[in-house]
Every structure is written in C-alpha cells, then in structure tokens.
C-alpha cells in the first residue's frame, strides 16, 4: 500500500523533472534562435520571453506551496489510564 506522503513525494519528483525538461527545451530553442537571431521574428522573441516568465512563475509557485513543510495534527482522543 502506498501512503499519501509517498504519492506526494513521487508527484513532486515528477513535477521537478518535467519543469527541468521544459527549461532545457526552452534553452535549446533559445540557442537555435540566437544562431539566426536576425531572422527571428518579434513574435518568436515574445514567445521565448513568455515561456521563460511562465516557467519561472511555476517554479516559484511550486516552491512557495511546499515551503512550510508538513503539519502534523494529532486529533486522536487521548487515552485515559485508570
């Protein structure tokens, strides 16, 4: 049986890998355009900037969401010994 924290951990790892891959693809696209920057249209330049901003925003939101860590709540009734 997989516990909730294991599922959350797996999700966060997968999300981090996906964000890393996205950054890599954006970097490759950017490098390809810089080789022929004079041929690049303003629309392509704007798309690159938009992708960078969105990636940065996603990374920041992800970090902020899990910044506080885990809160443990013990709401089980206390045992009384007699």
N, C-alpha and C. Protein backbone atom coordinates (compact mmCIF):
# COMPACT_ATOMS: atom_id res chain seq x y z
N UNK A 1 0.84 -1.17 0.00
CA UNK A 1 0.00 0.00 0.00
C UNK A 1 0.90 1.24 0.00
N UNK A 2 0.54 2.21 -0.80
CA UNK A 2 1.32 3.45 -0.89
C UNK A 2 0.66 4.52 -0.04
N UNK A 3 1.45 5.14 0.80
CA UNK A 3 0.94 6.18 1.68
C UNK A 3 0.84 7.51 0.95
N UNK A 4 0.07 8.42 1.52
CA UNK A 4 -0.15 9.72 0.89
C UNK A 4 1.15 10.50 0.70
N UNK A 5 2.05 10.44 1.68
CA UNK A 5 3.30 11.20 1.56
C UNK A 5 4.19 10.61 0.46
N UNK A 6 4.09 9.29 0.22
CA UNK A 6 4.83 8.69 -0.88
C UNK A 6 4.29 9.18 -2.21
N UNK A 7 2.97 9.25 -2.32
CA UNK A 7 2.35 9.75 -3.56
C UNK A 7 2.74 11.20 -3.80
N UNK A 8 2.72 12.00 -2.73
CA UNK A 8 3.07 13.41 -2.84
C UNK A 8 4.53 13.56 -3.25
N UNK A 9 5.39 12.75 -2.66
CA UNK A 9 6.82 12.79 -2.99
C UNK A 9 7.03 12.42 -4.45
N UNK A 10 6.38 11.37 -4.91
CA UNK A 10 6.51 10.96 -6.31
C UNK A 10 6.00 12.04 -7.25
N UNK A 11 4.90 12.67 -6.87
CA UNK A 11 4.35 13.76 -7.69
C UNK A 11 5.34 14.92 -7.78
N UNK A 12 5.92 15.30 -6.65
CA UNK A 12 6.85 16.42 -6.65
C UNK A 12 8.09 16.11 -7.47
N UNK A 13 8.58 14.87 -7.39
CA UNK A 13 9.74 14.48 -8.20
C UNK A 13 9.41 14.54 -9.68
N UNK A 14 8.23 14.03 -10.06
CA UNK A 14 7.82 14.06 -11.47
C UNK A 14 7.66 15.50 -11.95
N UNK A 15 7.09 16.34 -11.11
CA UNK A 15 6.89 17.75 -11.48
C UNK A 15 8.24 18.44 -11.66
N UNK A 16 9.18 18.17 -10.78
CA UNK A 16 10.51 18.77 -10.89
C UNK A 16 11.20 18.32 -12.17
N UNK A 17 11.09 17.03 -12.50
CA UNK A 17 11.69 16.53 -13.75
C UNK A 17 11.05 17.21 -14.96
N UNK A 18 9.73 17.34 -14.94
CA UNK A 18 9.04 17.97 -16.06
C UNK A 18 9.45 19.43 -16.21
N UNK A 19 9.57 20.14 -15.10
CA UNK A 19 9.99 21.54 -15.17
C UNK A 19 11.42 21.65 -15.67
N UNK A 20 12.28 20.75 -15.24
CA UNK A 20 13.66 20.74 -15.72
C UNK A 20 13.73 20.49 -17.21
N UNK A 21 12.92 19.55 -17.69
CA UNK A 21 12.88 19.24 -19.12
C UNK A 21 12.35 20.45 -19.91
N UNK A 22 11.34 21.11 -19.38
CA UNK A 22 10.81 22.30 -20.05
C UNK A 22 11.87 23.39 -20.15
N UNK A 23 12.59 23.62 -19.05
CA UNK A 23 13.66 24.62 -19.07
C UNK A 23 14.72 24.26 -20.11
N UNK A 24 15.05 22.98 -20.18
CA UNK A 24 16.04 22.53 -21.15
C UNK A 24 15.57 22.76 -22.58
N UNK A 25 14.31 22.46 -22.84
CA UNK A 25 13.77 22.65 -24.19
C UNK A 25 13.72 24.13 -24.56
N UNK A 26 13.36 24.97 -23.60
CA UNK A 26 13.33 26.40 -23.86
C UNK A 26 14.74 26.91 -24.15
N UNK A 27 15.72 26.41 -23.39
CA UNK A 27 17.11 26.82 -23.59
C UNK A 27 17.58 26.41 -24.99
N UNK A 28 17.24 25.18 -25.40
CA UNK A 28 17.64 24.71 -26.73
C UNK A 28 17.00 25.57 -27.82
N UNK A 29 15.73 25.87 -27.66
CA UNK A 29 15.02 26.70 -28.64
C UNK A 29 15.65 28.09 -28.71
N UNK A 30 15.96 28.61 -27.54
CA UNK A 30 16.58 29.94 -27.46
C UNK A 30 17.94 29.93 -28.17
N UNK A 31 18.74 28.89 -27.94
CA UNK A 31 20.05 28.79 -28.59
C UNK A 31 19.92 28.69 -30.11
N UNK A 32 18.95 27.93 -30.56
CA UNK A 32 18.73 27.80 -32.01
C UNK A 32 18.37 29.15 -32.62
N UNK A 33 17.54 29.92 -31.92
CA UNK A 33 17.15 31.23 -32.45
C UNK A 33 18.31 32.21 -32.42
N UNK A 34 19.15 32.14 -31.38
CA UNK A 34 20.26 33.08 -31.29
C UNK A 34 21.29 32.86 -32.39
N UNK A 35 21.34 31.65 -32.91
CA UNK A 35 22.25 31.40 -34.02
C UNK A 35 21.80 32.18 -35.26
N UNK A 36 20.49 32.37 -35.40
CA UNK A 36 19.92 33.12 -36.52
C UNK A 36 19.01 34.23 -35.98
N UNK A 37 19.52 35.00 -35.02
CA UNK A 37 18.69 35.99 -34.33
C UNK A 37 18.14 37.05 -35.29
N UNK A 38 18.90 37.41 -36.30
CA UNK A 38 18.44 38.43 -37.24
C UNK A 38 17.26 37.92 -38.08
N UNK A 39 17.10 36.62 -38.22
CA UNK A 39 16.00 36.03 -38.98
C UNK A 39 14.77 35.83 -38.09
N UNK A 40 14.99 35.82 -36.80
CA UNK A 40 13.92 35.56 -35.83
C UNK A 40 12.90 36.70 -35.84
N UNK A 41 11.63 36.33 -35.79
CA UNK A 41 10.58 37.35 -35.79
C UNK A 41 10.35 37.87 -34.37
N UNK A 42 9.70 39.00 -34.27
CA UNK A 42 9.35 39.57 -32.97
C UNK A 42 8.41 38.63 -32.21
N UNK A 43 7.55 37.95 -32.94
CA UNK A 43 6.62 37.01 -32.31
C UNK A 43 7.39 35.87 -31.63
N UNK A 44 8.41 35.34 -32.30
CA UNK A 44 9.21 34.27 -31.71
C UNK A 44 9.95 34.77 -30.48
N UNK A 45 10.48 35.98 -30.54
CA UNK A 45 11.17 36.55 -29.39
C UNK A 45 10.20 36.72 -28.21
N UNK A 46 9.00 37.16 -28.49
CA UNK A 46 7.99 37.34 -27.45
C UNK A 46 7.58 35.99 -26.86
N UNK A 47 7.47 34.97 -27.69
CA UNK A 47 7.11 33.63 -27.20
C UNK A 47 8.18 33.10 -26.24
N UNK A 48 9.43 33.30 -26.59
CA UNK A 48 10.52 32.84 -25.71
C UNK A 48 10.43 33.53 -24.35
N UNK A 49 10.24 34.83 -24.38
CA UNK A 49 10.14 35.57 -23.12
C UNK A 49 8.94 35.12 -22.30
N UNK A 50 7.81 34.87 -22.95
CA UNK A 50 6.62 34.39 -22.26
C UNK A 50 6.88 33.02 -21.64
N UNK A 51 7.53 32.12 -22.36
CA UNK A 51 7.86 30.80 -21.82
C UNK A 51 8.76 30.92 -20.61
N UNK A 52 9.74 31.80 -20.67
CA UNK A 52 10.65 32.00 -19.53
C UNK A 52 9.88 32.48 -18.30
N UNK A 53 9.01 33.45 -18.51
CA UNK A 53 8.25 34.00 -17.39
C UNK A 53 7.31 32.97 -16.78
N UNK A 54 6.63 32.20 -17.62
CA UNK A 54 5.72 31.17 -17.11
C UNK A 54 6.47 30.09 -16.35
N UNK A 55 7.62 29.68 -16.85
CA UNK A 55 8.41 28.66 -16.18
C UNK A 55 8.88 29.17 -14.82
N UNK A 56 9.34 30.40 -14.78
CA UNK A 56 9.79 30.99 -13.52
C UNK A 56 8.64 31.08 -12.53
N UNK A 57 7.46 31.46 -13.01
CA UNK A 57 6.29 31.58 -12.15
C UNK A 57 5.89 30.22 -11.59
N UNK A 58 5.89 29.18 -12.44
CA UNK A 58 5.55 27.84 -11.98
C UNK A 58 6.55 27.35 -10.94
N UNK A 59 7.81 27.59 -11.16
CA UNK A 59 8.84 27.17 -10.21
C UNK A 59 8.66 27.88 -8.87
N UNK A 60 8.37 29.17 -8.93
CA UNK A 60 8.19 29.95 -7.71
C UNK A 60 6.94 29.49 -6.95
N UNK A 61 5.83 29.26 -7.66
CA UNK A 61 4.60 28.81 -7.02
C UNK A 61 4.79 27.45 -6.38
N UNK A 62 5.50 26.57 -7.06
CA UNK A 62 5.75 25.23 -6.53
C UNK A 62 6.57 25.31 -5.25
N UNK A 63 7.59 26.14 -5.25
CA UNK A 63 8.43 26.29 -4.06
C UNK A 63 7.65 26.90 -2.91
N UNK A 64 6.83 27.91 -3.18
CA UNK A 64 6.06 28.56 -2.14
C UNK A 64 5.01 27.63 -1.55
N UNK A 65 4.40 26.81 -2.39
CA UNK A 65 3.34 25.93 -1.95
C UNK A 65 3.83 24.92 -0.92
N UNK A 66 5.06 24.44 -1.08
CA UNK A 66 5.57 23.41 -0.20
C UNK A 66 6.65 23.93 0.74
N UNK A 67 6.74 25.24 0.87
CA UNK A 67 7.76 25.86 1.68
C UNK A 67 7.58 25.58 3.17
N UNK A 68 6.34 25.51 3.62
CA UNK A 68 6.07 25.37 5.04
C UNK A 68 6.27 23.94 5.54
N UNK A 69 6.42 23.01 4.66
CA UNK A 69 6.63 21.63 5.07
C UNK A 69 5.33 20.93 5.43
N UNK A 70 5.44 20.00 6.34
CA UNK A 70 4.31 19.17 6.73
C UNK A 70 3.84 19.57 8.10
N UNK A 71 2.54 19.67 8.26
CA UNK A 71 1.97 19.95 9.55
C UNK A 71 1.33 18.68 10.06
N UNK A 72 1.73 18.25 11.25
CA UNK A 72 1.19 17.02 11.82
C UNK A 72 0.13 17.42 12.83
N UNK A 73 -1.04 16.85 12.65
CA UNK A 73 -2.16 17.13 13.54
C UNK A 73 -2.54 15.84 14.24
N UNK A 74 -2.50 15.86 15.54
CA UNK A 74 -2.90 14.69 16.32
C UNK A 74 -4.29 14.95 16.86
N UNK A 75 -5.28 14.43 16.18
CA UNK A 75 -6.66 14.64 16.62
C UNK A 75 -7.27 13.37 17.19
N UNK A 76 -6.41 12.41 17.53
CA UNK A 76 -6.89 11.18 18.14
C UNK A 76 -7.23 11.47 19.60
N UNK A 77 -8.27 10.84 20.10
CA UNK A 77 -8.63 11.07 21.52
C UNK A 77 -7.52 10.55 22.44
N UNK A 78 -7.31 11.26 23.53
CA UNK A 78 -6.29 10.87 24.48
C UNK A 78 -6.76 9.65 25.25
N UNK A 79 -5.83 8.75 25.49
CA UNK A 79 -6.16 7.55 26.27
C UNK A 79 -6.10 7.92 27.75
N UNK A 80 -7.05 7.43 28.48
CA UNK A 80 -7.04 7.67 29.91
C UNK A 80 -6.74 6.36 30.62
N UNK A 81 -5.82 6.43 31.51
CA UNK A 81 -5.49 5.22 32.26
C UNK A 81 -6.11 5.34 33.64
N UNK A 82 -6.64 4.30 34.13
CA UNK A 82 -7.40 4.40 35.36
C UNK A 82 -6.89 3.70 36.47
